[in-house]
Amino acid sequence: MVDASSRAIVSNQPSLHDKLDDIVTKHLNAEFKKPIAAHTQRAFDEVNDKVQQANGPIILDSCCGVGESTANLAKVHPDALIIGVDKSAHRLHKHDVQYRQDEGGEYLLVQADLNDFWRLAKQAQWQPSHHYLLYPNPWPKAKHIQRRWHGAAIFPTIVALGGRLELRSNWHIYVREFARALQLAGHPTAVEPYHSDSAITPFERKYWASGQSSYRLVVDL
């Protein structure tokens, strides 16, 4: 039975954040120098060995949660190595119990801080064919704008990683803000409603069961 109790996002922000352009422009013109955490370096090194040995495309599933989306993407892209990354060990540990898929495809799940992992991937010259950001934490309070990926110092690295980026969220403003940030970075793209016959993440399934809509953008970087 699908949980249909998900509440819609409530925010004190009625439209795009009034400081969005200033924040994104500042980050596009600055270097992110935060030190890399040792645990993420170790996790990246282990995964990077497998990436260097891979013969097919590399696909990133960032903020993968319990990894259900990662397993589903492996079925959609059977020739690729899918790498799901999430900072929560608690969520990732649920994967084998509830969410593992067995119908083909190859994927890895990694516990890491994406602020570090993405920079390490760029330094290692990864060239993902696709990059999925499915239902990241929206941080809907206006004061938390810089906790959203498009408002964070790491945003230029997301763009620099390249590939076909697909973002989905149940908060329209989040996707519109991300699209505006991409426009400022030289990659204008459209925002569109999104629905499918089958949800590929637990959040997506729960939102749709609750009658909420999803929105997405897809852009070739």
N, C-alpha and C. Protein backbone atom coordinates (compact mmCIF):
# COMPACT_ATOMS: atom_id res chain seq x y z
N MET A 1 0.84 -1.20 0.00
CA MET A 1 0.00 0.00 0.00
C MET A 1 0.88 1.25 0.00
N VAL A 2 0.57 2.18 -0.90
CA VAL A 2 1.37 3.40 -1.01
C VAL A 2 0.93 4.42 0.02
N ASP A 3 1.89 5.02 0.71
CA ASP A 3 1.62 6.07 1.68
C ASP A 3 1.17 7.33 0.93
N ALA A 4 -0.08 7.77 1.21
CA ALA A 4 -0.62 8.94 0.52
C ALA A 4 -0.77 10.12 1.48
N SER A 5 0.07 10.18 2.49
CA SER A 5 -0.07 11.20 3.52
C SER A 5 0.92 12.35 3.39
N SER A 6 1.64 12.43 2.28
CA SER A 6 2.66 13.45 2.14
C SER A 6 2.03 14.84 2.04
N ARG A 7 2.52 15.77 2.86
CA ARG A 7 2.01 17.13 2.84
C ARG A 7 2.72 17.96 1.77
N ALA A 8 2.01 18.88 1.18
CA ALA A 8 2.60 19.78 0.19
C ALA A 8 3.61 20.70 0.87
N ILE A 9 4.58 21.16 0.10
CA ILE A 9 5.61 22.05 0.63
C ILE A 9 5.01 23.41 0.97
N VAL A 10 5.35 23.90 2.15
CA VAL A 10 4.91 25.22 2.60
C VAL A 10 6.14 26.11 2.70
N SER A 11 6.08 27.29 2.10
CA SER A 11 7.22 28.20 2.09
C SER A 11 6.75 29.63 2.32
N ASN A 12 7.63 30.43 2.91
CA ASN A 12 7.37 31.86 3.04
C ASN A 12 7.89 32.60 1.81
N GLN A 13 8.20 31.86 0.78
CA GLN A 13 8.75 32.44 -0.45
C GLN A 13 7.76 32.21 -1.59
N PRO A 14 7.08 33.24 -2.09
CA PRO A 14 6.02 33.05 -3.08
C PRO A 14 6.51 32.85 -4.52
N SER A 15 7.75 33.23 -4.79
CA SER A 15 8.29 33.10 -6.14
C SER A 15 9.80 32.92 -6.04
N LEU A 16 10.51 33.18 -7.14
CA LEU A 16 11.96 33.04 -7.10
C LEU A 16 12.54 33.94 -6.01
N HIS A 17 13.58 33.46 -5.34
CA HIS A 17 14.21 34.23 -4.26
C HIS A 17 14.77 35.53 -4.82
N ASP A 18 14.54 36.64 -4.11
CA ASP A 18 14.97 37.94 -4.64
C ASP A 18 16.49 38.11 -4.66
N LYS A 19 17.23 37.25 -3.96
CA LYS A 19 18.70 37.31 -3.97
C LYS A 19 19.32 36.24 -4.86
N LEU A 20 18.47 35.46 -5.57
CA LEU A 20 18.98 34.31 -6.33
C LEU A 20 20.07 34.71 -7.32
N ASP A 21 19.82 35.71 -8.14
CA ASP A 21 20.80 36.10 -9.16
C ASP A 21 22.13 36.51 -8.54
N ASP A 22 22.07 37.29 -7.48
CA ASP A 22 23.31 37.74 -6.83
C ASP A 22 24.09 36.55 -6.27
N ILE A 23 23.38 35.62 -5.64
CA ILE A 23 24.04 34.47 -5.02
C ILE A 23 24.67 33.58 -6.09
N VAL A 24 23.92 33.27 -7.12
CA VAL A 24 24.44 32.39 -8.17
C VAL A 24 25.62 33.03 -8.88
N THR A 25 25.50 34.31 -9.21
CA THR A 25 26.59 35.01 -9.90
C THR A 25 27.86 35.02 -9.05
N LYS A 26 27.70 35.24 -7.75
CA LYS A 26 28.86 35.22 -6.85
C LYS A 26 29.55 33.86 -6.90
N HIS A 27 28.79 32.80 -6.84
CA HIS A 27 29.38 31.46 -6.84
C HIS A 27 30.00 31.11 -8.20
N LEU A 28 29.41 31.59 -9.27
CA LEU A 28 29.97 31.32 -10.60
C LEU A 28 31.32 32.00 -10.79
N ASN A 29 31.57 33.03 -10.00
CA ASN A 29 32.80 33.80 -10.15
C ASN A 29 33.79 33.57 -9.01
N ALA A 30 33.57 32.50 -8.25
CA ALA A 30 34.45 32.21 -7.12
C ALA A 30 34.83 30.73 -7.13
N GLU A 31 35.92 30.42 -6.48
CA GLU A 31 36.36 29.03 -6.36
C GLU A 31 35.94 28.49 -5.00
N PHE A 32 35.36 27.29 -5.00
CA PHE A 32 34.92 26.67 -3.76
C PHE A 32 36.12 25.94 -3.15
N LYS A 33 36.61 26.42 -2.01
CA LYS A 33 37.87 25.92 -1.46
C LYS A 33 37.71 25.11 -0.17
N LYS A 34 36.48 24.74 0.16
CA LYS A 34 36.26 23.95 1.37
C LYS A 34 37.10 22.66 1.32
N PRO A 35 37.81 22.30 2.40
CA PRO A 35 38.61 21.07 2.40
C PRO A 35 37.74 19.83 2.19
N ILE A 36 38.29 18.85 1.49
CA ILE A 36 37.59 17.59 1.24
C ILE A 36 37.63 16.75 2.52
N ALA A 37 36.48 16.24 2.93
CA ALA A 37 36.41 15.39 4.12
C ALA A 37 37.08 14.04 3.84
N ALA A 38 37.79 13.53 4.83
CA ALA A 38 38.56 12.29 4.65
C ALA A 38 37.66 11.12 4.29
N HIS A 39 36.47 11.03 4.90
CA HIS A 39 35.60 9.88 4.62
C HIS A 39 35.08 9.90 3.19
N THR A 40 34.84 11.11 2.66
CA THR A 40 34.39 11.19 1.27
C THR A 40 35.54 10.89 0.32
N GLN A 41 36.74 11.33 0.66
CA GLN A 41 37.91 11.00 -0.17
C GLN A 41 38.08 9.48 -0.27
N ARG A 42 37.97 8.78 0.86
CA ARG A 42 38.11 7.31 0.86
C ARG A 42 37.01 6.66 0.02
N ALA A 43 35.77 7.13 0.21
CA ALA A 43 34.66 6.56 -0.56
C ALA A 43 34.85 6.82 -2.05
N PHE A 44 35.30 8.03 -2.39
CA PHE A 44 35.50 8.35 -3.80
C PHE A 44 36.60 7.49 -4.40
N ASP A 45 37.70 7.33 -3.71
CA ASP A 45 38.82 6.56 -4.24
C ASP A 45 38.39 5.13 -4.56
N GLU A 46 37.57 4.56 -3.70
CA GLU A 46 37.10 3.19 -3.93
C GLU A 46 36.23 3.12 -5.18
N VAL A 47 35.32 4.08 -5.32
CA VAL A 47 34.44 4.10 -6.49
C VAL A 47 35.21 4.45 -7.76
N ASN A 48 36.16 5.37 -7.64
CA ASN A 48 36.91 5.81 -8.81
C ASN A 48 37.67 4.66 -9.46
N ASP A 49 38.16 3.73 -8.66
CA ASP A 49 38.84 2.56 -9.23
C ASP A 49 37.90 1.80 -10.15
N LYS A 50 36.64 1.67 -9.74
CA LYS A 50 35.66 0.94 -10.55
C LYS A 50 35.24 1.75 -11.78
N VAL A 51 35.18 3.06 -11.62
CA VAL A 51 34.84 3.93 -12.75
C VAL A 51 35.92 3.83 -13.83
N GLN A 52 37.18 3.84 -13.41
CA GLN A 52 38.27 3.78 -14.38
C GLN A 52 38.29 2.45 -15.13
N GLN A 53 37.74 1.40 -14.52
CA GLN A 53 37.71 0.09 -15.17
C GLN A 53 36.45 -0.13 -16.00
N ALA A 54 35.47 0.77 -15.86
CA ALA A 54 34.19 0.59 -16.55
C ALA A 54 34.36 0.79 -18.06
N ASN A 55 33.64 0.01 -18.83
CA ASN A 55 33.72 0.10 -20.29
C ASN A 55 32.60 0.95 -20.89
N GLY A 56 31.50 1.11 -20.14
CA GLY A 56 30.36 1.84 -20.66
C GLY A 56 30.23 3.22 -20.06
N PRO A 57 29.09 3.86 -20.28
CA PRO A 57 28.84 5.19 -19.72
C PRO A 57 28.78 5.17 -18.19
N ILE A 58 29.06 6.33 -17.61
CA ILE A 58 28.92 6.54 -16.17
C ILE A 58 27.74 7.48 -15.95
N ILE A 59 26.85 7.10 -15.02
CA ILE A 59 25.66 7.91 -14.72
C ILE A 59 25.62 8.17 -13.22
N LEU A 60 25.39 9.42 -12.85
CA LEU A 60 25.28 9.81 -11.44
C LEU A 60 23.82 9.94 -11.02
N ASP A 61 23.50 9.35 -9.89
CA ASP A 61 22.19 9.51 -9.26
C ASP A 61 22.45 10.15 -7.90
N SER A 62 22.46 11.48 -7.88
CA SER A 62 22.83 12.22 -6.68
C SER A 62 21.62 12.41 -5.76
N CYS A 63 21.87 12.40 -4.45
CA CYS A 63 20.79 12.43 -3.45
C CYS A 63 19.88 11.22 -3.65
N CYS A 64 20.48 10.05 -3.75
CA CYS A 64 19.73 8.85 -4.15
C CYS A 64 18.90 8.26 -3.02
N GLY A 65 19.05 8.73 -1.78
CA GLY A 65 18.24 8.22 -0.69
C GLY A 65 18.48 6.74 -0.44
N VAL A 66 17.42 5.95 -0.53
CA VAL A 66 17.52 4.50 -0.30
C VAL A 66 18.03 3.75 -1.52
N GLY A 67 18.26 4.45 -2.62
CA GLY A 67 18.83 3.82 -3.80
C GLY A 67 17.84 3.12 -4.71
N GLU A 68 16.55 3.28 -4.47
CA GLU A 68 15.57 2.68 -5.38
C GLU A 68 15.69 3.28 -6.77
N SER A 69 15.88 4.58 -6.85
CA SER A 69 16.04 5.22 -8.15
C SER A 69 17.29 4.71 -8.86
N THR A 70 18.36 4.49 -8.09
CA THR A 70 19.61 3.99 -8.68
C THR A 70 19.40 2.64 -9.33
N ALA A 71 18.72 1.75 -8.62
CA ALA A 71 18.44 0.42 -9.16
C ALA A 71 17.53 0.50 -10.38
N ASN A 72 16.53 1.38 -10.34
CA ASN A 72 15.63 1.54 -11.48
C ASN A 72 16.35 2.14 -12.68
N LEU A 73 17.25 3.10 -12.43
CA LEU A 73 18.01 3.68 -13.53
C LEU A 73 18.94 2.66 -14.17
N ALA A 74 19.43 1.71 -13.36
CA ALA A 74 20.28 0.66 -13.92
C ALA A 74 19.52 -0.20 -14.91
N LYS A 75 18.22 -0.37 -14.69
CA LYS A 75 17.41 -1.12 -15.64
C LYS A 75 17.16 -0.31 -16.91
N VAL A 76 17.02 0.99 -16.77
CA VAL A 76 16.80 1.87 -17.93
C VAL A 76 18.07 2.02 -18.76
N HIS A 77 19.23 1.99 -18.09
CA HIS A 77 20.53 2.16 -18.75
C HIS A 77 21.39 0.91 -18.49
N PRO A 78 21.05 -0.23 -19.09
CA PRO A 78 21.74 -1.48 -18.76
C PRO A 78 23.21 -1.53 -19.17
N ASP A 79 23.62 -0.62 -20.07
CA ASP A 79 25.01 -0.63 -20.53
C ASP A 79 25.90 0.28 -19.68
N ALA A 80 25.31 0.97 -18.69
CA ALA A 80 26.04 1.99 -17.92
C ALA A 80 26.31 1.51 -16.50
N LEU A 81 27.28 2.16 -15.86
CA LEU A 81 27.52 2.00 -14.43
C LEU A 81 26.83 3.17 -13.74
N ILE A 82 25.83 2.87 -12.91
CA ILE A 82 25.09 3.91 -12.21
C ILE A 82 25.68 4.05 -10.81
N ILE A 83 25.97 5.27 -10.43
CA ILE A 83 26.54 5.53 -9.11
C ILE A 83 25.57 6.39 -8.32
N GLY A 84 24.97 5.79 -7.29
CA GLY A 84 24.06 6.51 -6.42
C GLY A 84 24.82 7.04 -5.21
N VAL A 85 24.64 8.31 -4.91
CA VAL A 85 25.36 8.95 -3.80
C VAL A 85 24.37 9.61 -2.86
N ASP A 86 24.54 9.35 -1.58
CA ASP A 86 23.73 10.00 -0.56
C ASP A 86 24.57 10.14 0.71
N LYS A 87 24.29 11.17 1.50
CA LYS A 87 25.09 11.40 2.71
C LYS A 87 24.62 10.54 3.88
N SER A 88 23.43 9.93 3.76
CA SER A 88 22.83 9.25 4.90
C SER A 88 23.09 7.74 4.88
N ALA A 89 23.86 7.26 5.83
CA ALA A 89 24.07 5.82 5.97
C ALA A 89 22.76 5.13 6.32
N HIS A 90 21.92 5.79 7.11
CA HIS A 90 20.64 5.20 7.51
C HIS A 90 19.77 4.90 6.30
N ARG A 91 19.69 5.83 5.37
CA ARG A 91 18.88 5.61 4.17
C ARG A 91 19.49 4.52 3.30
N LEU A 92 20.79 4.58 3.09
CA LEU A 92 21.44 3.61 2.22
C LEU A 92 21.34 2.19 2.77
N HIS A 93 21.35 2.05 4.10
CA HIS A 93 21.28 0.72 4.69
C HIS A 93 19.93 0.06 4.49
N LYS A 94 18.92 0.85 4.14
CA LYS A 94 17.60 0.28 3.87
C LYS A 94 17.54 -0.39 2.49
N HIS A 95 18.53 -0.16 1.67
CA HIS A 95 18.42 -0.54 0.27
C HIS A 95 18.25 -2.05 0.09
N ASP A 96 19.13 -2.84 0.65
CA ASP A 96 19.08 -4.28 0.43
C ASP A 96 17.82 -4.91 1.02
N VAL A 97 17.27 -4.29 2.05
CA VAL A 97 16.09 -4.85 2.70
C VAL A 97 14.83 -4.63 1.86
N GLN A 98 14.69 -3.43 1.29
CA GLN A 98 13.42 -3.08 0.65
C GLN A 98 13.49 -2.73 -0.83
N TYR A 99 14.62 -2.26 -1.31
CA TYR A 99 14.61 -1.57 -2.59
C TYR A 99 15.50 -2.17 -3.67
N ARG A 100 16.24 -3.21 -3.37
CA ARG A 100 17.12 -3.78 -4.38
C ARG A 100 16.31 -4.34 -5.54
N GLN A 101 16.81 -4.12 -6.75
CA GLN A 101 16.20 -4.67 -7.97
C GLN A 101 17.16 -5.71 -8.54
N ASP A 102 16.61 -6.70 -9.22
CA ASP A 102 17.45 -7.78 -9.73
C ASP A 102 17.37 -7.97 -11.24
N GLU A 103 16.66 -7.07 -11.91
CA GLU A 103 16.44 -7.29 -13.34
C GLU A 103 17.48 -6.57 -14.19
N GLY A 104 18.74 -6.87 -13.98
CA GLY A 104 19.78 -6.35 -14.86
C GLY A 104 20.30 -4.98 -14.45
N GLY A 105 21.40 -4.60 -15.10
CA GLY A 105 22.01 -3.31 -14.82
C GLY A 105 23.04 -3.41 -13.72
N GLU A 106 23.95 -2.44 -13.72
CA GLU A 106 25.02 -2.42 -12.74
C GLU A 106 25.03 -1.08 -12.02
N TYR A 107 25.07 -1.14 -10.68
CA TYR A 107 25.08 0.11 -9.93
C TYR A 107 25.83 -0.05 -8.62
N LEU A 108 26.29 1.10 -8.11
CA LEU A 108 26.97 1.18 -6.83
C LEU A 108 26.29 2.24 -5.99
N LEU A 109 26.26 2.03 -4.67
CA LEU A 109 25.75 3.04 -3.76
C LEU A 109 26.89 3.51 -2.87
N VAL A 110 26.98 4.82 -2.69
CA VAL A 110 28.10 5.43 -1.98
C VAL A 110 27.59 6.40 -0.93
N GLN A 111 28.12 6.29 0.29
CA GLN A 111 27.82 7.29 1.31
C GLN A 111 28.89 8.37 1.24
N ALA A 112 28.49 9.59 0.93
CA ALA A 112 29.46 10.67 0.77
C ALA A 112 28.75 12.02 0.80
N ASP A 113 29.52 13.04 1.12
CA ASP A 113 29.05 14.42 1.04
C ASP A 113 29.19 14.87 -0.40
N LEU A 114 28.08 15.21 -1.04
CA LEU A 114 28.12 15.57 -2.45
C LEU A 114 28.92 16.85 -2.71
N ASN A 115 29.00 17.74 -1.72
CA ASN A 115 29.84 18.94 -1.89
C ASN A 115 31.29 18.55 -2.17
N ASP A 116 31.73 17.44 -1.61
CA ASP A 116 33.08 16.94 -1.84
C ASP A 116 33.13 15.97 -3.01
N PHE A 117 32.15 15.08 -3.07
CA PHE A 117 32.17 14.02 -4.08
C PHE A 117 32.14 14.61 -5.49
N TRP A 118 31.29 15.60 -5.72
CA TRP A 118 31.22 16.21 -7.05
C TRP A 118 32.55 16.87 -7.44
N ARG A 119 33.19 17.53 -6.49
CA ARG A 119 34.48 18.17 -6.81
C ARG A 119 35.55 17.13 -7.12
N LEU A 120 35.54 16.03 -6.39
CA LEU A 120 36.50 14.96 -6.67
C LEU A 120 36.23 14.34 -8.04
N ALA A 121 34.97 14.17 -8.39
CA ALA A 121 34.63 13.62 -9.70
C ALA A 121 35.11 14.55 -10.82
N LYS A 122 34.96 15.85 -10.59
CA LYS A 122 35.44 16.80 -11.60
C LYS A 122 36.96 16.76 -11.71
N GLN A 123 37.65 16.70 -10.56
CA GLN A 123 39.11 16.62 -10.58
C GLN A 123 39.60 15.36 -11.28
N ALA A 124 38.86 14.28 -11.14
CA ALA A 124 39.23 13.01 -11.77
C ALA A 124 38.77 12.95 -13.22
N GLN A 125 38.16 14.03 -13.71
CA GLN A 125 37.72 14.17 -15.10
C GLN A 125 36.67 13.13 -15.48
N TRP A 126 35.80 12.83 -14.53
CA TRP A 126 34.65 12.01 -14.89
C TRP A 126 33.83 12.75 -15.94
N GLN A 127 33.24 12.00 -16.83
CA GLN A 127 32.36 12.58 -17.85
C GLN A 127 31.05 11.80 -17.87
N PRO A 128 30.19 12.03 -16.88
CA PRO A 128 28.93 11.29 -16.84
C PRO A 128 28.07 11.58 -18.07
N SER A 129 27.44 10.54 -18.58
CA SER A 129 26.52 10.74 -19.71
C SER A 129 25.21 11.35 -19.22
N HIS A 130 24.81 11.00 -18.00
CA HIS A 130 23.59 11.53 -17.39
C HIS A 130 23.86 11.85 -15.92
N HIS A 131 23.14 12.82 -15.42
CA HIS A 131 23.23 13.17 -14.00
C HIS A 131 21.81 13.43 -13.51
N TYR A 132 21.34 12.62 -12.58
CA TYR A 132 19.99 12.74 -12.05
C TYR A 132 20.01 13.35 -10.65
N LEU A 133 19.16 14.35 -10.44
CA LEU A 133 18.92 14.97 -9.14
C LEU A 133 17.42 14.85 -8.88
N LEU A 134 17.02 13.77 -8.25
CA LEU A 134 15.61 13.46 -8.11
C LEU A 134 15.13 13.79 -6.69
N TYR A 135 14.32 14.83 -6.60
CA TYR A 135 13.69 15.24 -5.34
C TYR A 135 14.70 15.55 -4.24
N PRO A 136 15.65 16.44 -4.52
CA PRO A 136 16.56 16.86 -3.45
C PRO A 136 15.80 17.62 -2.37
N ASN A 137 16.38 17.68 -1.18
CA ASN A 137 15.77 18.45 -0.09
C ASN A 137 15.50 19.87 -0.56
N PRO A 138 14.25 20.33 -0.52
CA PRO A 138 13.94 21.66 -1.09
C PRO A 138 14.36 22.85 -0.24
N TRP A 139 14.59 22.64 1.05
CA TRP A 139 14.91 23.77 1.95
C TRP A 139 14.00 24.96 1.63
N PRO A 140 12.69 24.84 1.91
CA PRO A 140 11.74 25.84 1.42
C PRO A 140 11.74 27.19 2.11
N LYS A 141 12.35 27.30 3.31
CA LYS A 141 12.40 28.61 3.95
C LYS A 141 13.32 29.54 3.16
N ALA A 142 12.89 30.77 2.97
CA ALA A 142 13.67 31.72 2.17
C ALA A 142 15.08 31.89 2.71
N LYS A 143 15.24 31.86 4.01
CA LYS A 143 16.58 32.06 4.60
C LYS A 143 17.54 30.92 4.30
N HIS A 144 17.02 29.81 3.80
CA HIS A 144 17.85 28.65 3.49
C HIS A 144 18.20 28.54 2.01
N ILE A 145 18.07 29.60 1.25
CA ILE A 145 18.33 29.58 -0.18
C ILE A 145 19.70 28.97 -0.52
N GLN A 146 20.72 29.24 0.29
CA GLN A 146 22.06 28.75 -0.05
C GLN A 146 22.27 27.29 0.35
N ARG A 147 21.23 26.66 0.93
CA ARG A 147 21.28 25.22 1.15
C ARG A 147 20.70 24.45 -0.03
N ARG A 148 19.99 25.14 -0.90
CA ARG A 148 19.51 24.51 -2.13
C ARG A 148 20.69 24.38 -3.08
N TRP A 149 20.72 23.32 -3.89
CA TRP A 149 21.92 23.08 -4.71
C TRP A 149 22.22 24.25 -5.66
N HIS A 150 21.21 24.87 -6.21
CA HIS A 150 21.47 25.97 -7.15
C HIS A 150 21.91 27.24 -6.43
N GLY A 151 21.66 27.33 -5.11
CA GLY A 151 22.10 28.49 -4.35
C GLY A 151 23.38 28.24 -3.57
N ALA A 152 23.95 27.06 -3.72
CA ALA A 152 25.13 26.68 -2.96
C ALA A 152 26.41 26.94 -3.74
N ALA A 153 27.52 27.01 -3.02
CA ALA A 153 28.81 27.27 -3.66
C ALA A 153 29.21 26.15 -4.61
N ILE A 154 28.63 24.96 -4.46
CA ILE A 154 28.98 23.82 -5.30
C ILE A 154 28.30 23.87 -6.67
N PHE A 155 27.34 24.76 -6.85
CA PHE A 155 26.57 24.78 -8.10
C PHE A 155 27.43 24.80 -9.36
N PRO A 156 28.48 25.64 -9.45
CA PRO A 156 29.30 25.62 -10.68
C PRO A 156 29.91 24.25 -10.97
N THR A 157 30.18 23.46 -9.94
CA THR A 157 30.75 22.13 -10.16
C THR A 157 29.71 21.20 -10.76
N ILE A 158 28.46 21.33 -10.33
CA ILE A 158 27.39 20.54 -10.94
C ILE A 158 27.34 20.80 -12.44
N VAL A 159 27.42 22.07 -12.81
CA VAL A 159 27.40 22.44 -14.23
C VAL A 159 28.63 21.90 -14.95
N ALA A 160 29.79 22.03 -14.31
CA ALA A 160 31.04 21.62 -14.94
C ALA A 160 31.13 20.11 -15.16
N LEU A 161 30.44 19.33 -14.34
CA LEU A 161 30.47 17.87 -14.52
C LEU A 161 29.85 17.46 -15.85
N GLY A 162 28.93 18.25 -16.35
CA GLY A 162 28.38 17.99 -17.67
C GLY A 162 27.38 16.85 -17.68
N GLY A 163 27.15 16.31 -18.87
CA GLY A 163 26.17 15.25 -19.04
C GLY A 163 24.77 15.80 -19.22
N ARG A 164 23.83 14.90 -19.34
CA ARG A 164 22.42 15.27 -19.46
C ARG A 164 21.83 15.34 -18.06
N LEU A 165 21.63 16.54 -17.56
CA LEU A 165 21.16 16.75 -16.19
C LEU A 165 19.63 16.73 -16.17
N GLU A 166 19.08 15.91 -15.26
CA GLU A 166 17.63 15.89 -15.06
C GLU A 166 17.34 16.12 -13.59
N LEU A 167 16.60 17.18 -13.30
CA LEU A 167 16.18 17.53 -11.95
C LEU A 167 14.66 17.36 -11.86
N ARG A 168 14.21 16.72 -10.79
CA ARG A 168 12.77 16.64 -10.51
C ARG A 168 12.51 17.10 -9.09
N SER A 169 11.37 17.76 -8.89
CA SER A 169 10.95 18.19 -7.55
C SER A 169 9.44 18.34 -7.54
N ASN A 170 8.85 18.24 -6.37
CA ASN A 170 7.42 18.54 -6.22
C ASN A 170 7.20 20.00 -5.84
N TRP A 171 8.27 20.79 -5.79
CA TRP A 171 8.15 22.22 -5.51
C TRP A 171 8.54 22.98 -6.77
N HIS A 172 7.53 23.59 -7.39
CA HIS A 172 7.73 24.26 -8.67
C HIS A 172 8.81 25.34 -8.58
N ILE A 173 8.83 26.09 -7.49
CA ILE A 173 9.80 27.17 -7.34
C ILE A 173 11.23 26.65 -7.37
N TYR A 174 11.46 25.49 -6.76
CA TYR A 174 12.81 24.93 -6.74
C TYR A 174 13.31 24.69 -8.17
N VAL A 175 12.49 24.09 -9.00
CA VAL A 175 12.91 23.79 -10.38
C VAL A 175 13.06 25.08 -11.18
N ARG A 176 12.18 26.03 -10.96
CA ARG A 176 12.30 27.31 -11.66
C ARG A 176 13.57 28.05 -11.24
N GLU A 177 13.90 28.01 -9.96
CA GLU A 177 15.15 28.63 -9.50
C GLU A 177 16.35 27.94 -10.12
N PHE A 178 16.32 26.62 -10.16
CA PHE A 178 17.45 25.89 -10.74
C PHE A 178 17.60 26.26 -12.22
N ALA A 179 16.49 26.37 -12.91
CA ALA A 179 16.53 26.76 -14.32
C ALA A 179 17.12 28.16 -14.48
N ARG A 180 16.77 29.07 -13.59
CA ARG A 180 17.32 30.43 -13.65
C ARG A 180 18.83 30.40 -13.40
N ALA A 181 19.26 29.59 -12.43
CA ALA A 181 20.69 29.47 -12.16
C ALA A 181 21.42 28.90 -13.38
N LEU A 182 20.82 27.92 -14.03
CA LEU A 182 21.43 27.38 -15.25
C LEU A 182 21.50 28.43 -16.36
N GLN A 183 20.47 29.25 -16.46
CA GLN A 183 20.49 30.33 -17.45
C GLN A 183 21.66 31.28 -17.18
N LEU A 184 21.86 31.63 -15.91
CA LEU A 184 22.97 32.51 -15.55
C LEU A 184 24.32 31.86 -15.86
N ALA A 185 24.36 30.52 -15.84
CA ALA A 185 25.58 29.78 -16.15
C ALA A 185 25.73 29.51 -17.64
N GLY A 186 24.80 30.02 -18.45
CA GLY A 186 24.90 29.86 -19.89
C GLY A 186 24.18 28.66 -20.45
N HIS A 187 23.24 28.07 -19.68
CA HIS A 187 22.53 26.88 -20.13
C HIS A 187 21.03 27.04 -19.93
N PRO A 188 20.39 27.90 -20.71
CA PRO A 188 18.94 28.09 -20.55
C PRO A 188 18.17 26.80 -20.83
N THR A 189 17.14 26.56 -20.04
CA THR A 189 16.34 25.34 -20.22
C THR A 189 14.93 25.59 -19.72
N ALA A 190 14.02 24.76 -20.17
CA ALA A 190 12.62 24.91 -19.81
C ALA A 190 12.27 24.06 -18.60
N VAL A 191 11.22 24.48 -17.89
CA VAL A 191 10.66 23.72 -16.78
C VAL A 191 9.31 23.17 -17.25
N GLU A 192 9.04 21.90 -16.94
CA GLU A 192 7.81 21.28 -17.40
C GLU A 192 7.20 20.39 -16.32
N PRO A 193 5.88 20.20 -16.35
CA PRO A 193 5.29 19.21 -15.46
C PRO A 193 5.81 17.82 -15.83
N TYR A 194 5.87 16.94 -14.84
CA TYR A 194 6.35 15.58 -15.11
C TYR A 194 5.45 14.56 -14.44
N HIS A 195 5.08 13.54 -15.21
CA HIS A 195 4.40 12.38 -14.64
C HIS A 195 4.72 11.17 -15.49
N SER A 196 4.63 10.01 -14.89
CA SER A 196 4.92 8.76 -15.58
C SER A 196 3.98 7.69 -15.04
N ASP A 197 3.87 6.60 -15.77
CA ASP A 197 3.04 5.49 -15.30
C ASP A 197 3.62 4.82 -14.06
N SER A 198 4.92 4.95 -13.87
CA SER A 198 5.55 4.34 -12.71
C SER A 198 6.55 5.30 -12.08
N ALA A 199 6.47 5.45 -10.77
CA ALA A 199 7.42 6.26 -10.02
C ALA A 199 8.70 5.47 -9.82
N ILE A 200 9.85 6.16 -9.80
CA ILE A 200 11.11 5.45 -9.64
C ILE A 200 11.80 5.74 -8.31
N THR A 201 11.20 6.61 -7.49
CA THR A 201 11.74 6.86 -6.14
C THR A 201 10.60 6.77 -5.14
N PRO A 202 10.89 6.44 -3.87
CA PRO A 202 9.83 6.42 -2.86
C PRO A 202 9.12 7.77 -2.71
N PHE A 203 9.88 8.87 -2.77
CA PHE A 203 9.26 10.19 -2.65
C PHE A 203 8.32 10.44 -3.82
N GLU A 204 8.76 10.12 -5.01
CA GLU A 204 7.92 10.34 -6.19
C GLU A 204 6.60 9.59 -6.05
N ARG A 205 6.69 8.33 -5.63
CA ARG A 205 5.49 7.51 -5.46
C ARG A 205 4.57 8.11 -4.39
N LYS A 206 5.15 8.56 -3.27
CA LYS A 206 4.37 9.12 -2.18
C LYS A 206 3.72 10.44 -2.58
N TYR A 207 4.47 11.31 -3.28
CA TYR A 207 3.91 12.59 -3.70
C TYR A 207 2.72 12.38 -4.64
N TRP A 208 2.89 11.49 -5.61
CA TRP A 208 1.81 11.27 -6.57
C TRP A 208 0.60 10.65 -5.90
N ALA A 209 0.83 9.73 -4.95
CA ALA A 209 -0.29 9.13 -4.23
C ALA A 209 -1.03 10.17 -3.40
N SER A 210 -0.33 11.25 -3.01
CA SER A 210 -0.94 12.33 -2.23
C SER A 210 -1.59 13.39 -3.11
N GLY A 211 -1.55 13.18 -4.42
CA GLY A 211 -2.16 14.13 -5.33
C GLY A 211 -1.29 15.31 -5.69
N GLN A 212 0.00 15.25 -5.33
CA GLN A 212 0.91 16.35 -5.66
C GLN A 212 1.48 16.18 -7.07
N SER A 213 1.91 17.28 -7.65
CA SER A 213 2.50 17.27 -8.98
C SER A 213 4.02 17.29 -8.89
N SER A 214 4.65 16.79 -9.92
CA SER A 214 6.10 16.89 -10.06
C SER A 214 6.44 17.80 -11.22
N TYR A 215 7.63 18.41 -11.12
CA TYR A 215 8.13 19.28 -12.19
C TYR A 215 9.56 18.87 -12.46
N ARG A 216 10.03 19.13 -13.67
CA ARG A 216 11.39 18.75 -14.00
C ARG A 216 12.00 19.70 -15.01
N LEU A 217 13.32 19.64 -15.08
CA LEU A 217 14.06 20.23 -16.19
C LEU A 217 15.07 19.20 -16.67
N VAL A 218 15.34 19.23 -17.95
CA VAL A 218 16.34 18.35 -18.55
C VAL A 218 17.20 19.22 -19.45
N VAL A 219 18.52 19.16 -19.26
CA VAL A 219 19.41 20.01 -20.04
C VAL A 219 20.71 19.27 -20.33
N ASP A 220 21.21 19.42 -21.55
CA ASP A 220 22.51 18.86 -21.92
C ASP A 220 23.58 19.89 -21.62
N LEU A 221 24.43 19.58 -20.67
CA LEU A 221 25.46 20.54 -20.23
C LEU A 221 26.75 20.36 -21.03
